[in-house]
Amino acid sequence: MDKVSFRKQQIDTVNKFMKTEQAQKEINEIYLQLFSNLDFRNAKSIGITLSIDKEIPTFPIINKCWEDGKKVYIPKTFSDYSMTFVNYEKDTELETSSFGVREPKEYQSNVMNPPELIIVPGVAFSKEGNNRLGFGAGYYDRYLAQHPTKTIALAVSRQFFVQAPWPIYTLDKPVDQIISVAEEE
């Protein structure tokens, strides 16, 4: 199946699953695994998106980072498909991107490229090769090609595959680790 068709099907599948009680149980387990992960615990700066509906909520992760004294950086995207990570604090002024994601309004200062660890979003992930299927614009693939750093992806069971059922291209950047309850099954 081609990437575009698989992505659309996968988004529908995940959106339905995220409304279930099982999804909430998995998300809570994923948080516990992330918070005990050595790379997460040791990182002083974390790059992460502000989640939108039907994604694993990132606000508990952001709050944990702040409690632990970590700096949180969120992406600011640009029309040339590039992005930068900007320091995020409780009073950071935000605006909504064309993708519906909240981003920092001011992005000229308090930038870190790259943060020590980036929690990379995605639609699907495969255990074999730690491949990731993103939302289709290629922002993270381009960013990680220019700014290599440690990466972790978080995946509920409906996002996790042993082998990728979508095509993998040379420009697709794999993630270092995938945290998912599906790994234990």
N, C-alpha and C. Protein backbone atom coordinates (compact mmCIF):
# COMPACT_ATOMS: atom_id res chain seq x y z
N MET A 1 0.85 -1.19 0.00
CA MET A 1 0.00 0.00 0.00
C MET A 1 0.89 1.25 0.00
N ASP A 2 0.50 2.27 -0.76
CA ASP A 2 1.32 3.48 -0.81
C ASP A 2 1.16 4.28 0.50
N LYS A 3 2.10 5.17 0.74
CA LYS A 3 2.13 5.94 2.00
C LYS A 3 0.87 6.77 2.22
N VAL A 4 0.41 7.45 1.18
CA VAL A 4 -0.74 8.35 1.32
C VAL A 4 -1.99 7.57 1.74
N SER A 5 -2.25 6.45 1.08
CA SER A 5 -3.42 5.63 1.41
C SER A 5 -3.29 5.02 2.80
N PHE A 6 -2.10 4.48 3.10
CA PHE A 6 -1.90 3.88 4.41
C PHE A 6 -2.04 4.93 5.51
N ARG A 7 -1.47 6.12 5.30
CA ARG A 7 -1.54 7.19 6.30
C ARG A 7 -2.99 7.55 6.60
N LYS A 8 -3.80 7.72 5.56
CA LYS A 8 -5.21 8.07 5.75
C LYS A 8 -5.94 6.98 6.53
N GLN A 9 -5.74 5.73 6.14
CA GLN A 9 -6.36 4.60 6.84
C GLN A 9 -5.89 4.55 8.30
N GLN A 10 -4.60 4.76 8.51
CA GLN A 10 -4.01 4.69 9.84
C GLN A 10 -4.56 5.81 10.75
N ILE A 11 -4.69 7.00 10.21
CA ILE A 11 -5.23 8.12 11.00
C ILE A 11 -6.65 7.80 11.45
N ASP A 12 -7.47 7.24 10.56
CA ASP A 12 -8.84 6.85 10.93
C ASP A 12 -8.83 5.79 12.02
N THR A 13 -7.97 4.78 11.87
CA THR A 13 -7.87 3.69 12.85
C THR A 13 -7.47 4.24 14.22
N VAL A 14 -6.44 5.08 14.25
CA VAL A 14 -5.94 5.63 15.52
C VAL A 14 -6.98 6.56 16.15
N ASN A 15 -7.63 7.38 15.34
CA ASN A 15 -8.65 8.30 15.86
C ASN A 15 -9.76 7.54 16.58
N LYS A 16 -10.21 6.44 15.99
CA LYS A 16 -11.26 5.62 16.62
C LYS A 16 -10.74 5.00 17.92
N PHE A 17 -9.53 4.45 17.86
CA PHE A 17 -8.96 3.77 19.02
C PHE A 17 -8.76 4.74 20.20
N MET A 18 -8.35 5.97 19.91
CA MET A 18 -8.04 6.92 20.98
C MET A 18 -9.27 7.28 21.83
N LYS A 19 -10.46 6.94 21.37
CA LYS A 19 -11.69 7.21 22.12
C LYS A 19 -12.01 6.08 23.12
N THR A 20 -11.20 5.03 23.12
CA THR A 20 -11.51 3.86 23.94
C THR A 20 -10.80 3.90 25.29
N GLU A 21 -11.34 3.10 26.21
CA GLU A 21 -10.73 2.97 27.53
C GLU A 21 -9.35 2.29 27.43
N GLN A 22 -9.24 1.35 26.50
CA GLN A 22 -7.96 0.65 26.28
C GLN A 22 -6.86 1.64 25.90
N ALA A 23 -7.19 2.62 25.08
CA ALA A 23 -6.19 3.63 24.68
C ALA A 23 -5.68 4.36 25.91
N GLN A 24 -6.57 4.75 26.81
CA GLN A 24 -6.15 5.48 28.02
C GLN A 24 -5.23 4.62 28.89
N LYS A 25 -5.55 3.33 29.00
CA LYS A 25 -4.68 2.42 29.77
C LYS A 25 -3.29 2.35 29.14
N GLU A 26 -3.25 2.23 27.82
CA GLU A 26 -1.96 2.15 27.12
C GLU A 26 -1.17 3.44 27.29
N ILE A 27 -1.84 4.57 27.17
CA ILE A 27 -1.16 5.87 27.30
C ILE A 27 -0.54 6.00 28.69
N ASN A 28 -1.27 5.60 29.72
CA ASN A 28 -0.73 5.67 31.09
C ASN A 28 0.51 4.79 31.22
N GLU A 29 0.49 3.61 30.62
CA GLU A 29 1.65 2.71 30.66
C GLU A 29 2.82 3.31 29.89
N ILE A 30 2.53 3.93 28.75
CA ILE A 30 3.58 4.57 27.95
C ILE A 30 4.25 5.70 28.75
N TYR A 31 3.45 6.49 29.48
CA TYR A 31 4.02 7.54 30.33
C TYR A 31 4.99 6.93 31.35
N LEU A 32 4.56 5.86 32.01
CA LEU A 32 5.42 5.22 33.02
C LEU A 32 6.73 4.74 32.39
N GLN A 33 6.65 4.13 31.20
CA GLN A 33 7.86 3.66 30.53
C GLN A 33 8.76 4.83 30.15
N LEU A 34 8.17 5.90 29.64
CA LEU A 34 8.96 7.07 29.24
C LEU A 34 9.65 7.68 30.45
N PHE A 35 8.91 7.87 31.54
CA PHE A 35 9.47 8.54 32.72
C PHE A 35 10.58 7.73 33.39
N SER A 36 10.62 6.43 33.13
CA SER A 36 11.71 5.62 33.69
C SER A 36 12.83 5.38 32.66
N ASN A 37 12.65 5.85 31.44
CA ASN A 37 13.65 5.67 30.38
C ASN A 37 14.90 6.49 30.69
N LEU A 38 16.07 5.87 30.59
CA LEU A 38 17.33 6.54 30.95
C LEU A 38 17.61 7.77 30.08
N ASP A 39 17.38 7.66 28.78
CA ASP A 39 17.63 8.81 27.90
C ASP A 39 16.72 9.98 28.29
N PHE A 40 15.47 9.70 28.60
CA PHE A 40 14.55 10.75 29.03
C PHE A 40 15.00 11.33 30.37
N ARG A 41 15.32 10.46 31.31
CA ARG A 41 15.70 10.94 32.65
C ARG A 41 16.98 11.78 32.61
N ASN A 42 17.93 11.41 31.73
CA ASN A 42 19.21 12.11 31.68
C ASN A 42 19.19 13.38 30.84
N ALA A 43 18.24 13.51 29.95
CA ALA A 43 18.21 14.69 29.06
C ALA A 43 17.81 15.94 29.84
N LYS A 44 18.53 17.02 29.57
CA LYS A 44 18.22 18.30 30.22
C LYS A 44 17.33 19.17 29.34
N SER A 45 17.25 18.83 28.05
CA SER A 45 16.38 19.57 27.12
C SER A 45 15.60 18.57 26.28
N ILE A 46 14.28 18.78 26.23
CA ILE A 46 13.38 17.87 25.52
C ILE A 46 12.64 18.65 24.44
N GLY A 47 12.66 18.11 23.22
CA GLY A 47 11.85 18.65 22.14
C GLY A 47 10.58 17.84 22.03
N ILE A 48 9.42 18.50 21.96
CA ILE A 48 8.14 17.81 21.95
C ILE A 48 7.09 18.71 21.32
N THR A 49 6.09 18.12 20.67
CA THR A 49 5.01 18.93 20.11
C THR A 49 3.92 19.11 21.16
N LEU A 50 3.10 20.12 20.98
CA LEU A 50 1.90 20.27 21.80
C LEU A 50 0.83 19.43 21.12
N SER A 51 0.39 18.39 21.80
CA SER A 51 -0.52 17.43 21.17
C SER A 51 -1.85 18.07 20.79
N ILE A 52 -2.47 17.46 19.80
CA ILE A 52 -3.82 17.85 19.42
C ILE A 52 -4.71 16.63 19.65
N ASP A 53 -6.01 16.79 19.44
CA ASP A 53 -6.95 15.67 19.65
C ASP A 53 -6.47 14.42 18.94
N LYS A 54 -6.75 13.30 19.52
CA LYS A 54 -6.48 11.99 18.93
C LYS A 54 -4.99 11.64 18.88
N GLU A 55 -4.19 12.35 19.65
CA GLU A 55 -2.77 12.01 19.80
C GLU A 55 -2.52 11.70 21.27
N ILE A 56 -1.43 11.02 21.55
CA ILE A 56 -1.05 10.81 22.95
C ILE A 56 -0.85 12.20 23.55
N PRO A 57 -1.57 12.53 24.63
CA PRO A 57 -1.43 13.87 25.21
C PRO A 57 -0.01 14.13 25.70
N THR A 58 0.55 15.26 25.28
CA THR A 58 1.93 15.57 25.66
C THR A 58 2.01 16.46 26.90
N PHE A 59 0.89 17.01 27.35
CA PHE A 59 0.97 17.92 28.50
C PHE A 59 1.43 17.24 29.78
N PRO A 60 1.03 15.98 30.06
CA PRO A 60 1.61 15.30 31.23
C PRO A 60 3.13 15.15 31.12
N ILE A 61 3.62 14.94 29.90
CA ILE A 61 5.07 14.80 29.69
C ILE A 61 5.74 16.15 29.91
N ILE A 62 5.16 17.20 29.38
CA ILE A 62 5.72 18.55 29.55
C ILE A 62 5.74 18.93 31.02
N ASN A 63 4.66 18.65 31.74
CA ASN A 63 4.62 18.96 33.18
C ASN A 63 5.68 18.18 33.95
N LYS A 64 5.89 16.91 33.57
CA LYS A 64 6.93 16.09 34.22
C LYS A 64 8.31 16.69 33.94
N CYS A 65 8.52 17.16 32.71
CA CYS A 65 9.80 17.79 32.37
C CYS A 65 10.03 19.01 33.27
N TRP A 66 9.02 19.85 33.39
CA TRP A 66 9.16 21.06 34.22
C TRP A 66 9.41 20.68 35.69
N GLU A 67 8.68 19.67 36.19
CA GLU A 67 8.89 19.22 37.57
C GLU A 67 10.32 18.75 37.79
N ASP A 68 10.90 18.13 36.76
CA ASP A 68 12.25 17.59 36.86
C ASP A 68 13.33 18.61 36.50
N GLY A 69 12.92 19.86 36.24
CA GLY A 69 13.88 20.92 35.93
C GLY A 69 14.44 20.87 34.51
N LYS A 70 13.76 20.17 33.62
CA LYS A 70 14.21 20.10 32.22
C LYS A 70 13.67 21.31 31.45
N LYS A 71 14.39 21.69 30.41
CA LYS A 71 13.91 22.72 29.48
C LYS A 71 13.08 22.03 28.41
N VAL A 72 11.94 22.62 28.08
CA VAL A 72 11.05 22.07 27.07
C VAL A 72 11.11 22.96 25.84
N TYR A 73 11.25 22.34 24.67
CA TYR A 73 11.31 23.06 23.40
C TYR A 73 10.23 22.50 22.48
N ILE A 74 9.48 23.41 21.84
CA ILE A 74 8.45 22.98 20.90
C ILE A 74 8.80 23.50 19.50
N PRO A 75 8.37 22.77 18.47
CA PRO A 75 8.74 23.17 17.12
C PRO A 75 7.94 24.36 16.60
N LYS A 76 8.63 25.18 15.83
CA LYS A 76 8.02 26.24 15.03
C LYS A 76 8.31 25.85 13.59
N THR A 77 7.26 25.67 12.79
CA THR A 77 7.44 25.24 11.41
C THR A 77 7.34 26.42 10.45
N PHE A 78 7.97 26.25 9.29
CA PHE A 78 8.00 27.31 8.28
C PHE A 78 7.54 26.76 6.93
N SER A 79 7.16 27.65 6.03
CA SER A 79 6.60 27.26 4.74
C SER A 79 7.58 26.50 3.85
N ASP A 80 8.88 26.60 4.13
CA ASP A 80 9.86 25.85 3.34
C ASP A 80 10.11 24.44 3.91
N TYR A 81 9.21 24.01 4.80
CA TYR A 81 9.26 22.69 5.44
C TYR A 81 10.43 22.52 6.41
N SER A 82 10.97 23.64 6.86
CA SER A 82 11.99 23.59 7.90
C SER A 82 11.31 23.87 9.24
N MET A 83 12.04 23.64 10.31
CA MET A 83 11.51 23.97 11.63
C MET A 83 12.66 24.24 12.58
N THR A 84 12.32 24.87 13.68
CA THR A 84 13.28 25.16 14.73
C THR A 84 12.59 24.87 16.06
N PHE A 85 13.37 24.58 17.09
CA PHE A 85 12.79 24.32 18.41
C PHE A 85 12.98 25.54 19.30
N VAL A 86 11.87 25.98 19.90
CA VAL A 86 11.83 27.20 20.71
C VAL A 86 11.46 26.82 22.15
N ASN A 87 12.12 27.45 23.12
CA ASN A 87 11.83 27.19 24.53
C ASN A 87 10.36 27.45 24.82
N TYR A 88 9.74 26.51 25.53
CA TYR A 88 8.33 26.61 25.87
C TYR A 88 8.18 26.68 27.38
N GLU A 89 7.48 27.72 27.83
CA GLU A 89 7.17 27.89 29.24
C GLU A 89 5.68 28.16 29.37
N LYS A 90 5.18 28.16 30.59
CA LYS A 90 3.73 28.32 30.81
C LYS A 90 3.17 29.58 30.17
N ASP A 91 3.96 30.62 30.06
CA ASP A 91 3.46 31.89 29.53
C ASP A 91 3.85 32.15 28.07
N THR A 92 4.37 31.14 27.38
CA THR A 92 4.75 31.30 25.98
C THR A 92 3.51 31.59 25.14
N GLU A 93 3.57 32.65 24.35
CA GLU A 93 2.45 33.00 23.48
C GLU A 93 2.45 32.06 22.28
N LEU A 94 1.26 31.50 21.99
CA LEU A 94 1.14 30.50 20.93
C LEU A 94 0.23 30.98 19.81
N GLU A 95 0.41 30.37 18.63
CA GLU A 95 -0.49 30.58 17.51
C GLU A 95 -0.71 29.21 16.87
N THR A 96 -1.77 29.07 16.08
CA THR A 96 -2.09 27.79 15.46
C THR A 96 -1.54 27.77 14.03
N SER A 97 -0.80 26.71 13.72
CA SER A 97 -0.22 26.55 12.38
C SER A 97 -1.30 26.11 11.39
N SER A 98 -0.94 26.06 10.12
CA SER A 98 -1.88 25.61 9.09
C SER A 98 -2.26 24.14 9.28
N PHE A 99 -1.46 23.39 10.05
CA PHE A 99 -1.77 21.99 10.34
C PHE A 99 -2.63 21.84 11.59
N GLY A 100 -2.96 22.95 12.25
CA GLY A 100 -3.78 22.90 13.45
C GLY A 100 -2.99 22.66 14.73
N VAL A 101 -1.67 22.76 14.64
CA VAL A 101 -0.80 22.54 15.80
C VAL A 101 -0.44 23.89 16.41
N ARG A 102 -0.47 23.96 17.73
CA ARG A 102 -0.07 25.19 18.40
C ARG A 102 1.45 25.29 18.45
N GLU A 103 1.94 26.46 18.06
CA GLU A 103 3.37 26.72 17.96
C GLU A 103 3.69 28.05 18.63
N PRO A 104 4.97 28.27 18.97
CA PRO A 104 5.32 29.57 19.56
C PRO A 104 5.15 30.69 18.53
N LYS A 105 4.63 31.80 19.00
CA LYS A 105 4.46 32.95 18.12
C LYS A 105 5.82 33.62 17.87
N GLU A 106 6.60 33.77 18.92
CA GLU A 106 7.93 34.39 18.83
C GLU A 106 8.95 33.27 18.73
N TYR A 107 9.79 33.33 17.72
CA TYR A 107 10.74 32.23 17.50
C TYR A 107 12.14 32.73 17.18
N GLN A 108 12.42 33.98 17.47
CA GLN A 108 13.74 34.54 17.15
C GLN A 108 14.76 34.25 18.25
N SER A 109 14.28 34.02 19.46
CA SER A 109 15.21 33.80 20.58
C SER A 109 14.80 32.53 21.33
N ASN A 110 15.61 32.17 22.30
CA ASN A 110 15.37 30.97 23.11
C ASN A 110 15.22 29.71 22.25
N VAL A 111 16.10 29.58 21.26
CA VAL A 111 16.07 28.47 20.33
C VAL A 111 17.14 27.46 20.71
N MET A 112 16.85 26.17 20.51
CA MET A 112 17.87 25.14 20.70
C MET A 112 17.73 24.13 19.57
N ASN A 113 18.77 24.03 18.76
CA ASN A 113 18.77 23.10 17.64
C ASN A 113 20.02 22.23 17.66
N PRO A 114 19.91 20.99 18.05
CA PRO A 114 18.70 20.30 18.48
C PRO A 114 18.63 20.20 19.99
N PRO A 115 17.41 19.98 20.53
CA PRO A 115 17.33 19.60 21.94
C PRO A 115 18.06 18.27 22.14
N GLU A 116 18.41 17.97 23.37
CA GLU A 116 19.16 16.75 23.68
C GLU A 116 18.37 15.48 23.30
N LEU A 117 17.05 15.53 23.46
CA LEU A 117 16.17 14.41 23.13
C LEU A 117 14.91 14.97 22.51
N ILE A 118 14.48 14.38 21.40
CA ILE A 118 13.23 14.79 20.77
C ILE A 118 12.25 13.62 20.83
N ILE A 119 11.05 13.91 21.30
CA ILE A 119 9.96 12.94 21.27
C ILE A 119 9.23 13.20 19.95
N VAL A 120 9.43 12.29 19.02
CA VAL A 120 9.01 12.48 17.63
C VAL A 120 7.57 11.96 17.44
N PRO A 121 6.70 12.81 16.89
CA PRO A 121 5.33 12.35 16.64
C PRO A 121 5.26 11.49 15.38
N GLY A 122 4.14 10.79 15.22
CA GLY A 122 3.96 10.00 14.02
C GLY A 122 2.61 9.32 14.00
N VAL A 123 2.31 8.74 12.86
CA VAL A 123 1.05 8.05 12.63
C VAL A 123 1.23 6.55 12.88
N ALA A 124 2.42 6.02 12.52
CA ALA A 124 2.71 4.60 12.67
C ALA A 124 4.21 4.40 12.84
N PHE A 125 4.56 3.29 13.52
CA PHE A 125 5.95 2.98 13.80
C PHE A 125 6.16 1.48 13.63
N SER A 126 7.36 1.09 13.17
CA SER A 126 7.64 -0.34 13.03
C SER A 126 8.82 -0.72 13.91
N LYS A 127 8.69 -1.88 14.55
CA LYS A 127 9.76 -2.39 15.40
C LYS A 127 11.01 -2.68 14.57
N GLU A 128 10.82 -3.32 13.40
CA GLU A 128 11.95 -3.62 12.52
C GLU A 128 12.45 -2.33 11.89
N GLY A 129 13.65 -1.93 12.26
CA GLY A 129 14.25 -0.71 11.71
C GLY A 129 13.83 0.58 12.39
N ASN A 130 12.96 0.47 13.41
CA ASN A 130 12.47 1.67 14.11
C ASN A 130 11.98 2.75 13.14
N ASN A 131 11.29 2.30 12.10
CA ASN A 131 10.79 3.24 11.11
C ASN A 131 9.55 3.96 11.61
N ARG A 132 9.34 5.14 11.05
CA ARG A 132 8.24 5.99 11.47
C ARG A 132 7.54 6.53 10.24
N LEU A 133 6.23 6.57 10.32
CA LEU A 133 5.43 7.23 9.29
C LEU A 133 4.87 8.49 9.93
N GLY A 134 5.29 9.63 9.40
CA GLY A 134 4.83 10.90 9.94
C GLY A 134 3.52 11.34 9.30
N PHE A 135 3.23 12.61 9.44
CA PHE A 135 1.96 13.15 8.95
C PHE A 135 2.04 13.60 7.49
N GLY A 136 3.21 13.46 6.86
CA GLY A 136 3.28 13.64 5.42
C GLY A 136 4.03 14.85 4.90
N ALA A 137 4.41 15.78 5.76
CA ALA A 137 5.09 16.98 5.26
C ALA A 137 6.62 16.86 5.31
N GLY A 138 7.15 15.90 6.07
CA GLY A 138 8.59 15.67 6.11
C GLY A 138 9.39 16.60 7.01
N TYR A 139 8.72 17.34 7.88
CA TYR A 139 9.44 18.28 8.76
C TYR A 139 10.49 17.57 9.61
N TYR A 140 10.11 16.48 10.29
CA TYR A 140 11.05 15.81 11.19
C TYR A 140 12.16 15.11 10.41
N ASP A 141 11.84 14.51 9.27
CA ASP A 141 12.90 13.88 8.47
C ASP A 141 13.95 14.90 8.05
N ARG A 142 13.51 16.05 7.59
CA ARG A 142 14.46 17.11 7.19
C ARG A 142 15.25 17.62 8.40
N TYR A 143 14.54 17.86 9.50
CA TYR A 143 15.19 18.40 10.69
C TYR A 143 16.26 17.43 11.21
N LEU A 144 15.89 16.15 11.35
CA LEU A 144 16.84 15.17 11.90
C LEU A 144 18.01 14.91 10.96
N ALA A 145 17.83 15.11 9.68
CA ALA A 145 18.95 14.98 8.73
C ALA A 145 19.97 16.08 8.99
N GLN A 146 19.50 17.26 9.36
CA GLN A 146 20.40 18.40 9.63
C GLN A 146 20.88 18.46 11.07
N HIS A 147 20.05 17.98 12.00
CA HIS A 147 20.35 18.09 13.43
C HIS A 147 20.20 16.73 14.11
N PRO A 148 21.14 15.81 13.89
CA PRO A 148 21.02 14.50 14.53
C PRO A 148 21.02 14.64 16.06
N THR A 149 20.12 13.93 16.70
CA THR A 149 20.03 13.92 18.16
C THR A 149 19.28 12.67 18.57
N LYS A 150 19.21 12.38 19.86
CA LYS A 150 18.47 11.21 20.33
C LYS A 150 16.98 11.42 20.09
N THR A 151 16.31 10.33 19.68
CA THR A 151 14.88 10.40 19.41
C THR A 151 14.15 9.23 20.05
N ILE A 152 12.94 9.52 20.52
CA ILE A 152 12.04 8.51 21.06
C ILE A 152 10.68 8.76 20.42
N ALA A 153 9.99 7.69 20.08
CA ALA A 153 8.61 7.79 19.61
C ALA A 153 7.72 7.06 20.61
N LEU A 154 6.50 7.55 20.76
CA LEU A 154 5.52 6.94 21.65
C LEU A 154 4.40 6.39 20.78
N ALA A 155 4.04 5.12 20.97
CA ALA A 155 3.05 4.50 20.10
C ALA A 155 2.06 3.65 20.88
N VAL A 156 0.77 3.95 20.72
CA VAL A 156 -0.26 3.04 21.24
C VAL A 156 -0.25 1.81 20.34
N SER A 157 -0.91 0.74 20.78
CA SER A 157 -0.84 -0.54 20.04
C SER A 157 -1.28 -0.41 18.59
N ARG A 158 -2.24 0.44 18.28
CA ARG A 158 -2.73 0.58 16.90
C ARG A 158 -1.73 1.33 16.01
N GLN A 159 -0.70 1.91 16.61
CA GLN A 159 0.33 2.62 15.83
C GLN A 159 1.59 1.78 15.64
N PHE A 160 1.63 0.62 16.27
CA PHE A 160 2.86 -0.16 16.33
C PHE A 160 2.76 -1.40 15.46
N PHE A 161 3.75 -1.60 14.59
CA PHE A 161 3.79 -2.74 13.67
C PHE A 161 5.15 -3.41 13.80
N VAL A 162 5.18 -4.73 13.65
CA VAL A 162 6.46 -5.44 13.66
C VAL A 162 7.26 -5.02 12.43
N GLN A 163 6.63 -5.13 11.25
CA GLN A 163 7.25 -4.67 10.00
C GLN A 163 6.39 -3.55 9.42
N ALA A 164 7.02 -2.61 8.78
CA ALA A 164 6.30 -1.47 8.21
C ALA A 164 5.46 -1.91 7.02
N PRO A 165 4.12 -1.72 7.08
CA PRO A 165 3.29 -2.04 5.92
C PRO A 165 3.24 -0.88 4.91
N TRP A 166 4.05 0.12 5.13
CA TRP A 166 4.16 1.26 4.20
C TRP A 166 5.57 1.26 3.61
N PRO A 167 5.76 1.87 2.44
CA PRO A 167 7.11 1.90 1.86
C PRO A 167 8.04 2.82 2.65
N ILE A 168 9.30 2.41 2.78
CA ILE A 168 10.33 3.19 3.48
C ILE A 168 11.27 3.76 2.42
N TYR A 169 11.53 5.06 2.51
CA TYR A 169 12.42 5.71 1.55
C TYR A 169 13.72 6.13 2.24
N THR A 170 14.76 6.37 1.46
CA THR A 170 16.06 6.72 2.04
C THR A 170 16.01 8.01 2.84
N LEU A 171 15.13 8.93 2.52
CA LEU A 171 15.03 10.19 3.27
C LEU A 171 14.29 10.04 4.59
N ASP A 172 13.57 8.93 4.78
CA ASP A 172 12.85 8.68 6.03
C ASP A 172 13.85 8.39 7.15
N LYS A 173 13.80 9.17 8.19
CA LYS A 173 14.72 8.99 9.32
C LYS A 173 14.09 8.09 10.37
N PRO A 174 14.76 6.97 10.71
CA PRO A 174 14.23 6.13 11.78
C PRO A 174 14.42 6.81 13.13
N VAL A 175 13.69 6.35 14.13
CA VAL A 175 13.86 6.87 15.50
C VAL A 175 14.76 5.90 16.26
N ASP A 176 15.37 6.39 17.34
CA ASP A 176 16.27 5.55 18.13
C ASP A 176 15.51 4.51 18.94
N GLN A 177 14.37 4.92 19.52
CA GLN A 177 13.60 4.03 20.38
C GLN A 177 12.11 4.27 20.15
N ILE A 178 11.33 3.19 20.27
CA ILE A 178 9.89 3.30 20.24
C ILE A 178 9.37 2.75 21.56
N ILE A 179 8.63 3.54 22.28
CA ILE A 179 8.03 3.10 23.53
C ILE A 179 6.57 2.80 23.24
N SER A 180 6.19 1.52 23.47
CA SER A 180 4.83 1.08 23.19
C SER A 180 4.51 -0.12 24.06
N VAL A 181 3.27 -0.22 24.49
CA VAL A 181 2.87 -1.41 25.24
C VAL A 181 2.80 -2.61 24.33
N ALA A 182 2.70 -2.39 23.03
CA ALA A 182 2.62 -3.49 22.06
C ALA A 182 3.88 -4.35 22.08
N GLU A 183 5.01 -3.78 22.48
CA GLU A 183 6.27 -4.52 22.52
C GLU A 183 6.21 -5.67 23.51
N GLU A 184 5.38 -5.52 24.54
CA GLU A 184 5.33 -6.53 25.60
C GLU A 184 4.42 -7.69 25.23
N GLU A 185 3.59 -7.52 24.22
CA GLU A 185 2.60 -8.55 23.89
C GLU A 185 3.22 -9.69 23.13
